[in-house]
Amino acid sequence: MTVLVGVDGSTASLHALDLAVREASLRDTAVRLVYADAWAKHPAWVDTPRPGPPPGAEAALRAAREHSSAEFTTDVVAGEPGSALVRESAGAELVVVGHRGHGGFPELLLGSVAVKVAAHATGPVLLTRGPARFDGGVGVGVDGSAVTDAALGFAFAEAALRGVGLVAVHASMGPYLSGPTDVLIFDPDAERADQHRLLTAALTPWRERHPGVPVREEVRWDRPSRALVELSERVSLVAVGRRGRSGLPGRRLGSVTHALVHHASCPVAVVPT
């Protein structure tokens, strides 16, 4: 297994390379750098060999080698970048991509390639948000679902690899129901106690597997997306499930995850179930 990183020569993809190198070092595995050649299957080249290397590939790979002194293998693969990285993710332990590359509209906070890979990759995807930093803990969003249980597994393992603590945040704005079914009574103390129990129960099995990881529990009375974006300002990585309890069944990325990958201040790990 390798750490797969997609590059296109952009600054964001070079930040992704830095993060991939660090993650591979933590895992004692290799880095595989991939450039996706979107023109390889263009009708113009079906019957006639295309002269020279793929446009942009040489420049992107040269920029990567000049940027990093680490060892990595390089491959040029055919296909639209998002689809190519999703396909290649099947053989990777982790995929790292920049939050946006050369293409798309400058005003977009997250590029289409990053969104596609985060939503469809076989395994965990790390999205950069500028230069990565490793001087903080690992954060994780928890809602008690099986999806966030997968994110917890990734977050605890990552914290153990980095030798840092874990900050687990559960945010809710739901009321506590009491009394007759037609009466809504909001009891903040009862609601907070319930949310603490949910968070503690979700963390317990992972604490037992990683007893050396210090854990801080935080229950927030806030929108989950806003709480996790705020958390990203205090840690060096935030892990979330691909989709949680809320959202439309047809969506590959949940609404909270979607908001976080667009607005986080640190790299975000999107973890499938």
C-alpha atoms as a PDB file:
ATOM      1  CA  MET A   1       0.000   0.000   0.000  1.00  0.00           C
ATOM      2  CA  THR A   2       1.130   3.545  -0.716  1.00  0.00           C
ATOM      3  CA  VAL A   3       0.169   7.125   0.012  1.00  0.00           C
ATOM      4  CA  LEU A   4      -1.210   8.455  -3.263  1.00  0.00           C
ATOM      5  CA  VAL A   5      -0.948  12.147  -4.076  1.00  0.00           C
ATOM      6  CA  GLY A   6      -2.343  13.938  -7.109  1.00  0.00           C
ATOM      7  CA  VAL A   7      -0.304  16.805  -8.565  1.00  0.00           C
ATOM      8  CA  ASP A   8      -0.793  19.300 -11.361  1.00  0.00           C
ATOM      9  CA  GLY A   9       2.003  21.769 -10.611  1.00  0.00           C
ATOM     10  CA  SER A  10      -0.203  24.120  -8.584  1.00  0.00           C
ATOM     11  CA  THR A  11       0.832  25.459  -5.197  1.00  0.00           C
ATOM     12  CA  ALA A  12      -1.972  23.480  -3.549  1.00  0.00           C
ATOM     13  CA  SER A  13      -0.736  20.231  -5.094  1.00  0.00           C
ATOM     14  CA  LEU A  14       2.795  20.911  -3.790  1.00  0.00           C
ATOM     15  CA  HIS A  15       1.315  21.402  -0.308  1.00  0.00           C
ATOM     16  CA  ALA A  16      -0.419  18.059  -0.845  1.00  0.00           C
ATOM     17  CA  LEU A  17       2.932  16.492  -1.715  1.00  0.00           C
ATOM     18  CA  ASP A  18       4.444  17.792   1.536  1.00  0.00           C
ATOM     19  CA  LEU A  19       1.574  16.308   3.507  1.00  0.00           C
ATOM     20  CA  ALA A  20       1.760  13.009   1.619  1.00  0.00           C
ATOM     21  CA  VAL A  21       5.484  12.696   2.324  1.00  0.00           C
ATOM     22  CA  ARG A  22       4.908  13.279   6.034  1.00  0.00           C
ATOM     23  CA  GLU A  23       2.005  10.809   6.187  1.00  0.00           C
ATOM     24  CA  ALA A  24       4.030   8.161   4.334  1.00  0.00           C
ATOM     25  CA  SER A  25       6.906   8.659   6.757  1.00  0.00           C
ATOM     26  CA  LEU A  26       4.566   8.123   9.713  1.00  0.00           C
ATOM     27  CA  ARG A  27       3.276   4.930   8.112  1.00  0.00           C
ATOM     28  CA  ASP A  28       6.681   3.719   6.851  1.00  0.00           C
ATOM     29  CA  THR A  29       5.324   3.379   3.336  1.00  0.00           C
ATOM     30  CA  ALA A  30       6.022   4.825  -0.108  1.00  0.00           C
ATOM     31  CA  VAL A  31       4.638   7.900  -1.844  1.00  0.00           C
ATOM     32  CA  ARG A  32       3.129   7.495  -5.298  1.00  0.00           C
ATOM     33  CA  LEU A  33       2.739  10.754  -7.185  1.00  0.00           C
ATOM     34  CA  VAL A  34       0.154  10.767  -9.986  1.00  0.00           C
ATOM     35  CA  TYR A  35      -0.476  13.232 -12.783  1.00  0.00           C
ATOM     36  CA  ALA A  36      -3.780  12.691 -14.576  1.00  0.00           C
ATOM     37  CA  ASP A  37      -3.667  13.235 -18.346  1.00  0.00           C
ATOM     38  CA  ALA A  38      -7.162  14.337 -19.277  1.00  0.00           C
ATOM     39  CA  TRP A  39      -6.260  14.434 -22.992  1.00  0.00           C
ATOM     40  CA  ALA A  40      -5.042  10.850 -23.283  1.00  0.00           C
ATOM     41  CA  LYS A  41      -8.425   9.563 -24.460  1.00  0.00           C
ATOM     42  CA  HIS A  42      -9.273  12.548 -26.624  1.00  0.00           C
ATOM     43  CA  PRO A  43     -10.702  11.449 -29.998  1.00  0.00           C
ATOM     44  CA  ALA A  44      -7.812  13.205 -31.762  1.00  0.00           C
ATOM     45  CA  TRP A  45      -5.365  10.612 -30.417  1.00  0.00           C
ATOM     46  CA  VAL A  46      -7.428   7.437 -30.882  1.00  0.00           C
ATOM     47  CA  ASP A  47      -5.805   6.452 -34.183  1.00  0.00           C
ATOM     48  CA  THR A  48      -2.756   8.690 -34.192  1.00  0.00           C
ATOM     49  CA  PRO A  49      -0.034   8.585 -31.520  1.00  0.00           C
ATOM     50  CA  ARG A  50       0.208  11.933 -29.818  1.00  0.00           C
ATOM     51  CA  PRO A  51       3.590  13.586 -30.353  1.00  0.00           C
ATOM     52  CA  GLY A  52       5.576  14.288 -27.192  1.00  0.00           C
ATOM     53  CA  PRO A  53       4.623  14.010 -23.519  1.00  0.00           C
ATOM     54  CA  PRO A  54       1.213  14.976 -22.116  1.00  0.00           C
ATOM     55  CA  PRO A  55       0.738  18.753 -21.898  1.00  0.00           C
ATOM     56  CA  GLY A  56       1.640  19.943 -18.429  1.00  0.00           C
ATOM     57  CA  ALA A  57       2.936  16.610 -17.128  1.00  0.00           C
ATOM     58  CA  GLU A  58       6.647  17.367 -17.470  1.00  0.00           C
ATOM     59  CA  ALA A  59       6.247  20.760 -15.792  1.00  0.00           C
ATOM     60  CA  ALA A  60       4.161  19.339 -12.933  1.00  0.00           C
ATOM     61  CA  LEU A  61       6.563  16.460 -12.233  1.00  0.00           C
ATOM     62  CA  ARG A  62       9.580  18.753 -12.477  1.00  0.00           C
ATOM     63  CA  ALA A  63       7.969  21.179 -10.014  1.00  0.00           C
ATOM     64  CA  ALA A  64       7.349  18.298  -7.603  1.00  0.00           C
ATOM     65  CA  ARG A  65      10.971  17.097  -7.784  1.00  0.00           C
ATOM     66  CA  GLU A  66      12.296  20.619  -7.311  1.00  0.00           C
ATOM     67  CA  HIS A  67       9.936  21.210  -4.398  1.00  0.00           C
ATOM     68  CA  SER A  68      10.645  18.050  -2.415  1.00  0.00           C
ATOM     69  CA  SER A  69      13.839  16.070  -1.822  1.00  0.00           C
ATOM     70  CA  ALA A  70      11.849  13.032  -0.652  1.00  0.00           C
ATOM     71  CA  GLU A  71      11.749   9.811  -2.632  1.00  0.00           C
ATOM     72  CA  PHE A  72       8.565   9.046  -4.537  1.00  0.00           C
ATOM     73  CA  THR A  73       7.474   7.234  -7.666  1.00  0.00           C
ATOM     74  CA  THR A  74       5.673   9.067 -10.451  1.00  0.00           C
ATOM     75  CA  ASP A  75       2.982   7.939 -12.867  1.00  0.00           C
ATOM     76  CA  VAL A  76       1.073   9.655 -15.637  1.00  0.00           C
ATOM     77  CA  VAL A  77      -2.381   8.062 -15.870  1.00  0.00           C
ATOM     78  CA  ALA A  78      -5.125   8.603 -18.405  1.00  0.00           C
ATOM     79  CA  GLY A  79      -8.374  10.266 -17.523  1.00  0.00           C
ATOM     80  CA  GLU A  80     -10.053  13.294 -16.015  1.00  0.00           C
ATOM     81  CA  PRO A  81      -8.142  14.060 -12.786  1.00  0.00           C
ATOM     82  CA  GLY A  82     -10.992  13.405 -10.358  1.00  0.00           C
ATOM     83  CA  SER A  83     -12.001  10.124 -11.965  1.00  0.00           C
ATOM     84  CA  ALA A  84      -8.382   9.017 -12.350  1.00  0.00           C
ATOM     85  CA  LEU A  85      -7.564   9.595  -8.693  1.00  0.00           C
ATOM     86  CA  VAL A  86     -10.732   7.811  -7.583  1.00  0.00           C
ATOM     87  CA  ARG A  87      -9.736   4.846  -9.747  1.00  0.00           C
ATOM     88  CA  GLU A  88      -6.154   4.809  -8.475  1.00  0.00           C
ATOM     89  CA  SER A  89      -7.300   5.133  -4.846  1.00  0.00           C
ATOM     90  CA  ALA A  90      -8.181   1.428  -4.861  1.00  0.00           C
ATOM     91  CA  GLY A  91      -4.506   0.587  -4.360  1.00  0.00           C
ATOM     92  CA  ALA A  92      -3.687   3.269  -1.786  1.00  0.00           C
ATOM     93  CA  GLU A  93      -3.806   3.414   1.996  1.00  0.00           C
ATOM     94  CA  LEU A  94      -4.437   7.149   1.856  1.00  0.00           C
ATOM     95  CA  VAL A  95      -5.081   9.726  -0.883  1.00  0.00           C
ATOM     96  CA  VAL A  96      -3.858  13.308  -0.528  1.00  0.00           C
ATOM     97  CA  VAL A  97      -5.082  16.109  -2.792  1.00  0.00           C
ATOM     98  CA  GLY A  98      -4.875  19.881  -2.786  1.00  0.00           C
ATOM     99  CA  HIS A  99      -8.043  21.795  -2.063  1.00  0.00           C
ATOM    100  CA  ARG A 100      -7.930  23.185  -5.591  1.00  0.00           C
ATOM    101  CA  GLY A 101      -5.621  22.954  -8.598  1.00  0.00           C
ATOM    102  CA  HIS A 102      -4.939  24.961 -11.730  1.00  0.00           C
ATOM    103  CA  GLY A 103      -8.387  24.457 -13.235  1.00  0.00           C
ATOM    104  CA  GLY A 104     -11.796  25.801 -12.269  1.00  0.00           C
ATOM    105  CA  PHE A 105     -12.851  29.232 -11.109  1.00  0.00           C
ATOM    106  CA  PRO A 106     -10.512  31.175  -8.777  1.00  0.00           C
ATOM    107  CA  GLU A 107     -13.354  32.240  -6.492  1.00  0.00           C
ATOM    108  CA  LEU A 108     -14.278  28.640  -5.635  1.00  0.00           C
ATOM    109  CA  LEU A 109     -13.098  27.570  -2.177  1.00  0.00           C
ATOM    110  CA  LEU A 110     -12.751  23.938  -3.209  1.00  0.00           C
ATOM    111  CA  GLY A 111     -11.984  22.547  -6.636  1.00  0.00           C
ATOM    112  CA  SER A 112     -14.134  19.971  -8.416  1.00  0.00           C
ATOM    113  CA  VAL A 113     -11.331  17.385  -8.339  1.00  0.00           C
ATOM    114  CA  ALA A 114     -11.026  17.599  -4.554  1.00  0.00           C
ATOM    115  CA  VAL A 115     -14.795  17.264  -4.123  1.00  0.00           C
ATOM    116  CA  LYS A 116     -14.991  14.255  -6.432  1.00  0.00           C
ATOM    117  CA  VAL A 117     -12.104  12.418  -4.801  1.00  0.00           C
ATOM    118  CA  ALA A 118     -13.398  13.108  -1.283  1.00  0.00           C
ATOM    119  CA  ALA A 119     -16.853  11.832  -2.255  1.00  0.00           C
ATOM    120  CA  HIS A 120     -15.869   8.706  -4.179  1.00  0.00           C
ATOM    121  CA  ALA A 121     -12.382   7.450  -3.232  1.00  0.00           C
ATOM    122  CA  THR A 122     -12.067   3.913  -1.904  1.00  0.00           C
ATOM    123  CA  GLY A 123     -10.327   4.917   1.314  1.00  0.00           C
ATOM    124  CA  PRO A 124      -9.578   7.994   3.439  1.00  0.00           C
ATOM    125  CA  VAL A 125      -8.813  11.253   1.624  1.00  0.00           C
ATOM    126  CA  LEU A 126      -6.751  14.097   3.054  1.00  0.00           C
ATOM    127  CA  LEU A 127      -7.583  17.514   1.625  1.00  0.00           C
ATOM    128  CA  THR A 128      -5.015  20.243   2.162  1.00  0.00           C
ATOM    129  CA  ARG A 129      -5.986  23.736   3.225  1.00  0.00           C
ATOM    130  CA  GLY A 130      -2.719  25.576   2.588  1.00  0.00           C
ATOM    131  CA  PRO A 131       0.619  24.487   4.088  1.00  0.00           C
ATOM    132  CA  ALA A 132       0.160  21.618   6.532  1.00  0.00           C
ATOM    133  CA  ARG A 133       1.257  22.009  10.134  1.00  0.00           C
ATOM    134  CA  PHE A 134       2.035  19.251  12.600  1.00  0.00           C
ATOM    135  CA  ASP A 135       2.334  21.151  15.873  1.00  0.00           C
ATOM    136  CA  GLY A 136      -1.261  20.617  16.981  1.00  0.00           C
ATOM    137  CA  GLY A 137      -3.557  17.783  17.917  1.00  0.00           C
ATOM    138  CA  VAL A 138      -6.002  15.831  15.789  1.00  0.00           C
ATOM    139  CA  GLY A 139      -9.678  16.774  15.850  1.00  0.00           C
ATOM    140  CA  VAL A 140     -12.673  14.617  15.027  1.00  0.00           C
ATOM    141  CA  GLY A 141     -16.384  15.252  14.647  1.00  0.00           C
ATOM    142  CA  VAL A 142     -18.693  12.762  16.361  1.00  0.00           C
ATOM    143  CA  ASP A 143     -22.432  12.238  15.927  1.00  0.00           C
ATOM    144  CA  GLY A 144     -22.696   8.644  17.124  1.00  0.00           C
ATOM    145  CA  SER A 145     -23.317   7.121  13.686  1.00  0.00           C
ATOM    146  CA  ALA A 146     -21.395   4.262  12.069  1.00  0.00           C
ATOM    147  CA  VAL A 147     -19.949   6.759   9.610  1.00  0.00           C
ATOM    148  CA  THR A 148     -18.320   8.850  12.310  1.00  0.00           C
ATOM    149  CA  ASP A 149     -17.158   5.669  14.027  1.00  0.00           C
ATOM    150  CA  ALA A 150     -14.948   5.130  10.965  1.00  0.00           C
ATOM    151  CA  ALA A 151     -13.659   8.694  11.325  1.00  0.00           C
ATOM    152  CA  LEU A 152     -12.885   8.006  14.981  1.00  0.00           C
ATOM    153  CA  GLY A 153     -10.801   4.984  14.010  1.00  0.00           C
ATOM    154  CA  PHE A 154      -8.790   7.099  11.583  1.00  0.00           C
ATOM    155  CA  ALA A 155      -8.428  10.001  14.026  1.00  0.00           C
ATOM    156  CA  PHE A 156      -7.186   7.844  16.919  1.00  0.00           C
ATOM    157  CA  ALA A 157      -4.698   6.045  14.660  1.00  0.00           C
ATOM    158  CA  GLU A 158      -3.471   9.358  13.245  1.00  0.00           C
ATOM    159  CA  ALA A 159      -3.061  10.883  16.710  1.00  0.00           C
ATOM    160  CA  ALA A 160      -1.093   7.806  17.799  1.00  0.00           C
ATOM    161  CA  LEU A 161       1.164   8.059  14.737  1.00  0.00           C
ATOM    162  CA  ARG A 162       1.798  11.755  15.326  1.00  0.00           C
ATOM    163  CA  GLY A 163       2.192  11.386  19.079  1.00  0.00           C
ATOM    164  CA  VAL A 164      -0.421  14.063  19.819  1.00  0.00           C
ATOM    165  CA  GLY A 165      -3.718  14.330  21.624  1.00  0.00           C
ATOM    166  CA  LEU A 166      -7.227  14.048  20.221  1.00  0.00           C
ATOM    167  CA  VAL A 167     -10.033  16.596  20.492  1.00  0.00           C
ATOM    168  CA  ALA A 168     -13.450  14.974  19.951  1.00  0.00           C
ATOM    169  CA  VAL A 169     -16.326  17.394  19.312  1.00  0.00           C
ATOM    170  CA  HIS A 170     -20.024  16.621  19.353  1.00  0.00           C
ATOM    171  CA  ALA A 171     -22.229  19.555  18.401  1.00  0.00           C
ATOM    172  CA  SER A 172     -25.995  19.613  18.530  1.00  0.00           C
ATOM    173  CA  MET A 173     -28.909  22.017  18.429  1.00  0.00           C
ATOM    174  CA  GLY A 174     -31.654  19.436  18.984  1.00  0.00           C
ATOM    175  CA  PRO A 175     -34.164  19.758  21.843  1.00  0.00           C
ATOM    176  CA  TYR A 176     -34.783  17.285  24.621  1.00  0.00           C
ATOM    177  CA  LEU A 177     -38.361  16.011  24.630  1.00  0.00           C
ATOM    178  CA  SER A 178     -40.173  15.425  27.889  1.00  0.00           C
ATOM    179  CA  GLY A 179     -43.738  14.923  29.048  1.00  0.00           C
ATOM    180  CA  PRO A 180     -46.761  14.396  26.773  1.00  0.00           C
ATOM    181  CA  THR A 181     -46.001  13.810  23.107  1.00  0.00           C
ATOM    182  CA  ASP A 182     -47.724  17.035  22.105  1.00  0.00           C
ATOM    183  CA  VAL A 183     -45.616  19.172  24.428  1.00  0.00           C
ATOM    184  CA  LEU A 184     -42.073  20.262  23.649  1.00  0.00           C
ATOM    185  CA  ILE A 185     -40.020  21.062  26.734  1.00  0.00           C
ATOM    186  CA  PHE A 186     -36.425  22.098  26.312  1.00  0.00           C
ATOM    187  CA  ASP A 187     -34.277  21.065  29.258  1.00  0.00           C
ATOM    188  CA  PRO A 188     -30.690  22.231  28.556  1.00  0.00           C
ATOM    189  CA  ASP A 189     -29.199  20.226  31.436  1.00  0.00           C
ATOM    190  CA  ALA A 190     -30.843  16.995  30.314  1.00  0.00           C
ATOM    191  CA  GLU A 191     -29.878  17.672  26.700  1.00  0.00           C
ATOM    192  CA  ARG A 192     -26.234  18.303  27.586  1.00  0.00           C
ATOM    193  CA  ALA A 193     -26.108  15.167  29.741  1.00  0.00           C
ATOM    194  CA  ASP A 194     -27.482  13.102  26.847  1.00  0.00           C
ATOM    195  CA  GLN A 195     -24.938  14.539  24.439  1.00  0.00           C
ATOM    196  CA  HIS A 196     -22.063  13.846  26.849  1.00  0.00           C
ATOM    197  CA  ARG A 197     -23.238  10.237  27.179  1.00  0.00           C
ATOM    198  CA  LEU A 198     -23.386   9.865  23.400  1.00  0.00           C
ATOM    199  CA  LEU A 199     -19.867  11.250  22.961  1.00  0.00           C
ATOM    200  CA  THR A 200     -18.378   9.158  25.756  1.00  0.00           C
ATOM    201  CA  ALA A 201     -19.996   5.979  24.430  1.00  0.00           C
ATOM    202  CA  ALA A 202     -18.650   6.618  20.921  1.00  0.00           C
ATOM    203  CA  LEU A 203     -15.128   7.228  22.231  1.00  0.00           C
ATOM    204  CA  THR A 204     -14.879   4.345  24.717  1.00  0.00           C
ATOM    205  CA  PRO A 205     -13.955   1.470  22.351  1.00  0.00           C
ATOM    206  CA  TRP A 206     -11.353   3.576  20.575  1.00  0.00           C
ATOM    207  CA  ARG A 207      -9.847   4.766  23.852  1.00  0.00           C
ATOM    208  CA  GLU A 208      -9.402   1.120  24.815  1.00  0.00           C
ATOM    209  CA  ARG A 209      -7.597   0.394  21.540  1.00  0.00           C
ATOM    210  CA  HIS A 210      -5.354   3.478  21.835  1.00  0.00           C
ATOM    211  CA  PRO A 211      -4.760   3.972  25.572  1.00  0.00           C
ATOM    212  CA  GLY A 212      -1.745   6.201  24.939  1.00  0.00           C
ATOM    213  CA  VAL A 213      -3.732   8.896  23.119  1.00  0.00           C
ATOM    214  CA  PRO A 214      -4.893  11.752  25.389  1.00  0.00           C
ATOM    215  CA  VAL A 215      -8.511  12.663  24.622  1.00  0.00           C
ATOM    216  CA  ARG A 216     -10.422  15.852  25.253  1.00  0.00           C
ATOM    217  CA  GLU A 217     -14.208  15.704  24.945  1.00  0.00           C
ATOM    218  CA  GLU A 218     -16.164  18.770  23.885  1.00  0.00           C
ATOM    219  CA  VAL A 219     -19.940  19.041  23.679  1.00  0.00           C
ATOM    220  CA  ARG A 220     -20.975  22.165  21.812  1.00  0.00           C
ATOM    221  CA  TRP A 221     -24.393  23.804  21.585  1.00  0.00           C
ATOM    222  CA  ASP A 222     -23.892  24.920  18.001  1.00  0.00           C
ATOM    223  CA  ARG A 223     -24.337  23.917  14.386  1.00  0.00           C
ATOM    224  CA  PRO A 224     -21.993  20.955  13.772  1.00  0.00           C
ATOM    225  CA  SER A 225     -20.465  22.551  10.682  1.00  0.00           C
ATOM    226  CA  ARG A 226     -19.615  25.767  12.512  1.00  0.00           C
ATOM    227  CA  ALA A 227     -18.240  23.879  15.515  1.00  0.00           C
ATOM    228  CA  LEU A 228     -15.916  21.793  13.307  1.00  0.00           C
ATOM    229  CA  VAL A 229     -14.710  24.788  11.298  1.00  0.00           C
ATOM    230  CA  GLU A 230     -13.843  26.459  14.607  1.00  0.00           C
ATOM    231  CA  LEU A 231     -12.107  23.269  15.734  1.00  0.00           C
ATOM    232  CA  SER A 232      -9.963  23.340  12.574  1.00  0.00           C
ATOM    233  CA  GLU A 233      -8.405  26.580  13.817  1.00  0.00           C
ATOM    234  CA  ARG A 234      -7.055  24.807  16.920  1.00  0.00           C
ATOM    235  CA  VAL A 235      -5.727  21.508  15.562  1.00  0.00           C
ATOM    236  CA  SER A 236      -3.487  20.306  12.730  1.00  0.00           C
ATOM    237  CA  LEU A 237      -6.025  17.922  11.170  1.00  0.00           C
ATOM    238  CA  VAL A 238      -9.766  17.257  11.458  1.00  0.00           C
ATOM    239  CA  ALA A 239     -11.293  13.868  10.596  1.00  0.00           C
ATOM    240  CA  VAL A 240     -14.937  13.461   9.625  1.00  0.00           C
ATOM    241  CA  GLY A 241     -17.102  10.764   8.119  1.00  0.00           C
ATOM    242  CA  ARG A 242     -18.065  11.059   4.492  1.00  0.00           C
ATOM    243  CA  ARG A 243     -21.622  11.644   5.583  1.00  0.00           C
ATOM    244  CA  GLY A 244     -23.310  11.572   8.993  1.00  0.00           C
ATOM    245  CA  ARG A 245     -26.861  11.250  10.246  1.00  0.00           C
ATOM    246  CA  SER A 246     -28.211  14.296   8.447  1.00  0.00           C
ATOM    247  CA  GLY A 247     -28.442  15.120   4.778  1.00  0.00           C
ATOM    248  CA  LEU A 248     -30.089  13.640   1.723  1.00  0.00           C
ATOM    249  CA  PRO A 249     -29.532   9.893   1.147  1.00  0.00           C
ATOM    250  CA  GLY A 250     -28.343  10.465  -2.424  1.00  0.00           C
ATOM    251  CA  ARG A 251     -25.544  12.843  -1.461  1.00  0.00           C
ATOM    252  CA  ARG A 252     -22.073  11.349  -1.268  1.00  0.00           C
ATOM    253  CA  LEU A 253     -20.812  14.083   1.068  1.00  0.00           C
ATOM    254  CA  GLY A 254     -22.925  15.039   4.066  1.00  0.00           C
ATOM    255  CA  SER A 255     -23.788  18.691   4.597  1.00  0.00           C
ATOM    256  CA  VAL A 256     -21.449  19.034   7.606  1.00  0.00           C
ATOM    257  CA  THR A 257     -18.531  17.441   5.773  1.00  0.00           C
ATOM    258  CA  HIS A 258     -19.260  19.560   2.705  1.00  0.00           C
ATOM    259  CA  ALA A 259     -19.127  22.763   4.770  1.00  0.00           C
ATOM    260  CA  LEU A 260     -15.961  21.704   6.598  1.00  0.00           C
ATOM    261  CA  VAL A 261     -13.903  20.854   3.504  1.00  0.00           C
ATOM    262  CA  HIS A 262     -14.830  24.237   2.042  1.00  0.00           C
ATOM    263  CA  HIS A 263     -14.015  26.355   5.085  1.00  0.00           C
ATOM    264  CA  ALA A 264     -11.511  24.493   7.304  1.00  0.00           C
ATOM    265  CA  SER A 265      -8.254  26.116   8.375  1.00  0.00           C
ATOM    266  CA  CYS A 266      -6.295  22.842   8.414  1.00  0.00           C
ATOM    267  CA  PRO A 267      -6.222  19.606   6.392  1.00  0.00           C
ATOM    268  CA  VAL A 268      -9.422  17.569   6.521  1.00  0.00           C
ATOM    269  CA  ALA A 269      -9.554  13.771   6.420  1.00  0.00           C
ATOM    270  CA  VAL A 270     -12.768  12.484   4.831  1.00  0.00           C
ATOM    271  CA  VAL A 271     -13.239   8.863   5.891  1.00  0.00           C
ATOM    272  CA  PRO A 272     -15.698   6.456   4.230  1.00  0.00           C
ATOM    273  CA  THR A 273     -17.503   3.826   6.265  1.00  0.00           C
END
